[in-house]
Amino acid sequence: MTPPDTELAGLPDWLYPLGFWVGVGLLAAGVLFPRLAALAVGWVGLVPVLAAGWVAVAAWRRDRRLSLAALAALGGLVVVFVVKGFLPGA
């Protein structure tokens, strides 16, 4: 008997832990190989973006409001990067 799926966001159980441990491994490798540090930081920032994209697609049929919220979060990130481009010295 399989346990019931209690995850409301539509994320698989393995997605966030895998992203976290890959990030930890990259950060640890960045101590020995400093060129990997930027990749590690980028990966840590990318994991929530990937999760929001997954939710936006996977939950579309089950919970459209959740998908729209994930798309709004992704849209907010786009706005931040666009506005950042207009700031001097950014």
N, C-alpha and C. Protein backbone atom coordinates (compact mmCIF):
# COMPACT_ATOMS: atom_id res chain seq x y z
N MET A 1 0.84 -1.18 0.00
CA MET A 1 0.00 0.00 0.00
C MET A 1 0.89 1.25 0.00
N THR A 2 0.67 2.12 -0.95
CA THR A 2 1.47 3.34 -1.04
C THR A 2 0.85 4.43 -0.17
N PRO A 3 1.70 5.25 0.43
CA PRO A 3 1.16 6.34 1.25
C PRO A 3 0.46 7.37 0.36
N PRO A 4 -0.54 8.05 0.88
CA PRO A 4 -1.25 9.04 0.07
C PRO A 4 -0.35 10.24 -0.25
N ASP A 5 -0.60 10.85 -1.38
CA ASP A 5 0.14 12.03 -1.81
C ASP A 5 -0.40 13.23 -1.04
N THR A 6 0.39 13.73 -0.10
CA THR A 6 -0.06 14.85 0.72
C THR A 6 0.52 16.18 0.25
N GLU A 7 1.31 16.16 -0.79
CA GLU A 7 1.93 17.38 -1.29
C GLU A 7 0.92 18.15 -2.12
N LEU A 8 0.55 19.33 -1.65
CA LEU A 8 -0.46 20.12 -2.34
C LEU A 8 0.12 20.92 -3.50
N ALA A 9 1.41 21.22 -3.43
CA ALA A 9 2.00 22.08 -4.46
C ALA A 9 2.29 21.35 -5.76
N GLY A 10 2.22 20.04 -5.76
CA GLY A 10 2.50 19.31 -6.97
C GLY A 10 3.96 18.99 -7.18
N LEU A 11 4.80 19.32 -6.21
CA LEU A 11 6.22 19.00 -6.32
C LEU A 11 6.45 17.54 -5.95
N PRO A 12 7.26 16.85 -6.70
CA PRO A 12 7.62 15.49 -6.28
C PRO A 12 8.45 15.55 -4.99
N ASP A 13 8.39 14.50 -4.21
CA ASP A 13 9.10 14.47 -2.93
C ASP A 13 10.61 14.62 -3.08
N TRP A 14 11.15 14.23 -4.22
CA TRP A 14 12.60 14.22 -4.39
C TRP A 14 13.16 15.53 -4.92
N LEU A 15 12.32 16.44 -5.43
CA LEU A 15 12.83 17.60 -6.16
C LEU A 15 13.63 18.56 -5.27
N TYR A 16 13.03 19.04 -4.20
CA TYR A 16 13.73 20.01 -3.36
C TYR A 16 14.93 19.41 -2.64
N PRO A 17 14.81 18.19 -2.04
CA PRO A 17 16.01 17.62 -1.40
C PRO A 17 17.15 17.40 -2.39
N LEU A 18 16.83 16.95 -3.58
CA LEU A 18 17.88 16.74 -4.59
C LEU A 18 18.55 18.07 -4.94
N GLY A 19 17.74 19.09 -5.17
CA GLY A 19 18.30 20.40 -5.48
C GLY A 19 19.17 20.94 -4.36
N PHE A 20 18.73 20.71 -3.11
CA PHE A 20 19.50 21.17 -1.96
C PHE A 20 20.84 20.45 -1.89
N TRP A 21 20.83 19.13 -2.01
CA TRP A 21 22.08 18.38 -1.86
C TRP A 21 23.03 18.60 -3.03
N VAL A 22 22.50 18.82 -4.21
CA VAL A 22 23.38 19.18 -5.33
C VAL A 22 24.04 20.53 -5.03
N GLY A 23 23.26 21.47 -4.49
CA GLY A 23 23.81 22.77 -4.12
C GLY A 23 24.88 22.66 -3.04
N VAL A 24 24.64 21.82 -2.04
CA VAL A 24 25.63 21.63 -0.97
C VAL A 24 26.91 21.03 -1.55
N GLY A 25 26.75 20.06 -2.44
CA GLY A 25 27.93 19.45 -3.07
C GLY A 25 28.71 20.47 -3.90
N LEU A 26 27.99 21.29 -4.64
CA LEU A 26 28.67 22.31 -5.45
C LEU A 26 29.35 23.35 -4.57
N LEU A 27 28.71 23.74 -3.47
CA LEU A 27 29.33 24.70 -2.56
C LEU A 27 30.59 24.10 -1.92
N ALA A 28 30.53 22.83 -1.56
CA ALA A 28 31.71 22.17 -0.99
C ALA A 28 32.82 22.09 -2.03
N ALA A 29 32.47 21.76 -3.26
CA ALA A 29 33.48 21.71 -4.32
C ALA A 29 34.04 23.11 -4.60
N GLY A 30 33.20 24.13 -4.40
CA GLY A 30 33.66 25.50 -4.60
C GLY A 30 34.73 25.93 -3.63
N VAL A 31 34.83 25.24 -2.49
CA VAL A 31 35.90 25.53 -1.54
C VAL A 31 37.25 25.10 -2.14
N LEU A 32 37.24 23.96 -2.80
CA LEU A 32 38.48 23.45 -3.41
C LEU A 32 38.74 24.05 -4.78
N PHE A 33 37.68 24.29 -5.52
CA PHE A 33 37.78 24.85 -6.87
C PHE A 33 36.95 26.13 -6.92
N PRO A 34 37.56 27.28 -6.64
CA PRO A 34 36.81 28.53 -6.52
C PRO A 34 35.99 28.92 -7.74
N ARG A 35 36.35 28.43 -8.91
CA ARG A 35 35.56 28.77 -10.10
C ARG A 35 34.17 28.15 -10.05
N LEU A 36 33.98 27.11 -9.26
CA LEU A 36 32.67 26.49 -9.11
C LEU A 36 31.75 27.26 -8.16
N ALA A 37 32.31 28.20 -7.41
CA ALA A 37 31.51 28.92 -6.42
C ALA A 37 30.36 29.69 -7.08
N ALA A 38 30.61 30.35 -8.20
CA ALA A 38 29.55 31.09 -8.88
C ALA A 38 28.47 30.14 -9.39
N LEU A 39 28.87 28.98 -9.89
CA LEU A 39 27.90 27.98 -10.33
C LEU A 39 27.07 27.49 -9.15
N ALA A 40 27.72 27.27 -8.02
CA ALA A 40 27.02 26.79 -6.84
C ALA A 40 25.98 27.80 -6.36
N VAL A 41 26.36 29.06 -6.30
CA VAL A 41 25.42 30.11 -5.87
C VAL A 41 24.28 30.23 -6.88
N GLY A 42 24.60 30.16 -8.15
CA GLY A 42 23.56 30.19 -9.18
C GLY A 42 22.60 29.03 -9.05
N TRP A 43 23.12 27.84 -8.76
CA TRP A 43 22.26 26.66 -8.60
C TRP A 43 21.32 26.83 -7.40
N VAL A 44 21.86 27.34 -6.28
CA VAL A 44 21.03 27.55 -5.09
C VAL A 44 19.89 28.53 -5.40
N GLY A 45 20.17 29.54 -6.21
CA GLY A 45 19.12 30.48 -6.60
C GLY A 45 18.17 29.91 -7.64
N LEU A 46 18.64 28.95 -8.41
CA LEU A 46 17.83 28.38 -9.48
C LEU A 46 16.83 27.33 -8.99
N VAL A 47 17.12 26.67 -7.89
CA VAL A 47 16.24 25.61 -7.39
C VAL A 47 14.81 26.10 -7.15
N PRO A 48 14.59 27.24 -6.46
CA PRO A 48 13.21 27.71 -6.30
C PRO A 48 12.55 28.10 -7.62
N VAL A 49 13.33 28.60 -8.56
CA VAL A 49 12.78 28.95 -9.88
C VAL A 49 12.32 27.69 -10.61
N LEU A 50 13.14 26.64 -10.56
CA LEU A 50 12.74 25.37 -11.16
C LEU A 50 11.49 24.80 -10.49
N ALA A 51 11.42 24.92 -9.17
CA ALA A 51 10.25 24.42 -8.44
C ALA A 51 9.00 25.20 -8.84
N ALA A 52 9.11 26.51 -8.97
CA ALA A 52 7.95 27.31 -9.39
C ALA A 52 7.53 26.95 -10.81
N GLY A 53 8.49 26.74 -11.68
CA GLY A 53 8.15 26.31 -13.05
C GLY A 53 7.47 24.96 -13.06
N TRP A 54 7.96 24.04 -12.24
CA TRP A 54 7.35 22.71 -12.13
C TRP A 54 5.90 22.83 -11.66
N VAL A 55 5.68 23.63 -10.62
CA VAL A 55 4.32 23.80 -10.08
C VAL A 55 3.41 24.45 -11.12
N ALA A 56 3.93 25.44 -11.83
CA ALA A 56 3.11 26.13 -12.83
C ALA A 56 2.61 25.16 -13.89
N VAL A 57 3.46 24.21 -14.28
CA VAL A 57 3.08 23.26 -15.32
C VAL A 57 2.29 22.07 -14.75
N ALA A 58 2.81 21.48 -13.67
CA ALA A 58 2.24 20.23 -13.15
C ALA A 58 0.88 20.43 -12.49
N ALA A 59 0.65 21.57 -11.88
CA ALA A 59 -0.60 21.77 -11.13
C ALA A 59 -1.67 22.47 -11.97
N TRP A 60 -1.42 22.70 -13.24
CA TRP A 60 -2.35 23.47 -14.07
C TRP A 60 -3.74 22.86 -14.09
N ARG A 61 -3.84 21.55 -14.25
CA ARG A 61 -5.17 20.91 -14.33
C ARG A 61 -5.83 20.74 -12.97
N ARG A 62 -5.02 20.52 -11.92
CA ARG A 62 -5.57 20.28 -10.59
C ARG A 62 -5.94 21.56 -9.86
N ASP A 63 -5.05 22.54 -9.90
CA ASP A 63 -5.27 23.77 -9.14
C ASP A 63 -4.73 24.95 -9.94
N ARG A 64 -5.60 25.52 -10.72
CA ARG A 64 -5.18 26.60 -11.62
C ARG A 64 -4.72 27.83 -10.84
N ARG A 65 -5.31 28.09 -9.68
CA ARG A 65 -4.88 29.25 -8.89
C ARG A 65 -3.43 29.10 -8.42
N LEU A 66 -3.07 27.89 -8.04
CA LEU A 66 -1.69 27.63 -7.62
C LEU A 66 -0.74 27.83 -8.79
N SER A 67 -1.12 27.36 -9.95
CA SER A 67 -0.28 27.55 -11.14
C SER A 67 -0.13 29.03 -11.47
N LEU A 68 -1.21 29.76 -11.38
CA LEU A 68 -1.13 31.20 -11.65
C LEU A 68 -0.27 31.92 -10.62
N ALA A 69 -0.32 31.48 -9.37
CA ALA A 69 0.54 32.07 -8.34
C ALA A 69 2.02 31.79 -8.64
N ALA A 70 2.31 30.57 -9.09
CA ALA A 70 3.69 30.24 -9.45
C ALA A 70 4.14 31.07 -10.65
N LEU A 71 3.27 31.25 -11.62
CA LEU A 71 3.61 32.09 -12.78
C LEU A 71 3.79 33.54 -12.36
N ALA A 72 2.99 34.01 -11.41
CA ALA A 72 3.15 35.38 -10.92
C ALA A 72 4.49 35.55 -10.21
N ALA A 73 4.90 34.53 -9.46
CA ALA A 73 6.21 34.59 -8.80
C ALA A 73 7.34 34.64 -9.83
N LEU A 74 7.23 33.83 -10.86
CA LEU A 74 8.24 33.85 -11.92
C LEU A 74 8.22 35.20 -12.64
N GLY A 75 7.03 35.74 -12.88
CA GLY A 75 6.92 37.05 -13.50
C GLY A 75 7.55 38.14 -12.64
N GLY A 76 7.40 38.02 -11.33
CA GLY A 76 8.03 38.97 -10.42
C GLY A 76 9.55 38.93 -10.52
N LEU A 77 10.09 37.75 -10.68
CA LEU A 77 11.54 37.65 -10.87
C LEU A 77 11.99 38.32 -12.17
N VAL A 78 11.20 38.15 -13.22
CA VAL A 78 11.52 38.80 -14.49
C VAL A 78 11.50 40.31 -14.32
N VAL A 79 10.49 40.83 -13.62
CA VAL A 79 10.41 42.28 -13.39
C VAL A 79 11.62 42.78 -12.62
N VAL A 80 12.04 42.02 -11.60
CA VAL A 80 13.22 42.42 -10.82
C VAL A 80 14.45 42.52 -11.71
N PHE A 81 14.66 41.54 -12.58
CA PHE A 81 15.84 41.58 -13.45
C PHE A 81 15.74 42.68 -14.49
N VAL A 82 14.55 42.97 -14.98
CA VAL A 82 14.39 44.06 -15.95
C VAL A 82 14.65 45.41 -15.29
N VAL A 83 14.07 45.62 -14.11
CA VAL A 83 14.26 46.90 -13.41
C VAL A 83 15.72 47.05 -12.98
N LYS A 84 16.33 45.94 -12.57
CA LYS A 84 17.75 45.99 -12.19
C LYS A 84 18.61 46.50 -13.33
N GLY A 85 18.23 46.19 -14.56
CA GLY A 85 18.99 46.66 -15.71
C GLY A 85 18.92 48.17 -15.90
N PHE A 86 17.89 48.81 -15.36
CA PHE A 86 17.76 50.27 -15.49
C PHE A 86 18.51 51.02 -14.40
N LEU A 87 18.93 50.34 -13.35
CA LEU A 87 19.63 51.00 -12.26
C LEU A 87 21.08 51.26 -12.63
N PRO A 88 21.60 52.44 -12.33
CA PRO A 88 23.00 52.71 -12.66
C PRO A 88 23.93 51.91 -11.75
N GLY A 89 24.94 51.34 -12.34
CA GLY A 89 25.93 50.58 -11.56
C GLY A 89 25.47 49.19 -11.18
N ALA A 90 24.36 48.74 -11.70
CA ALA A 90 23.87 47.41 -11.29
C ALA A 90 24.37 46.33 -12.21
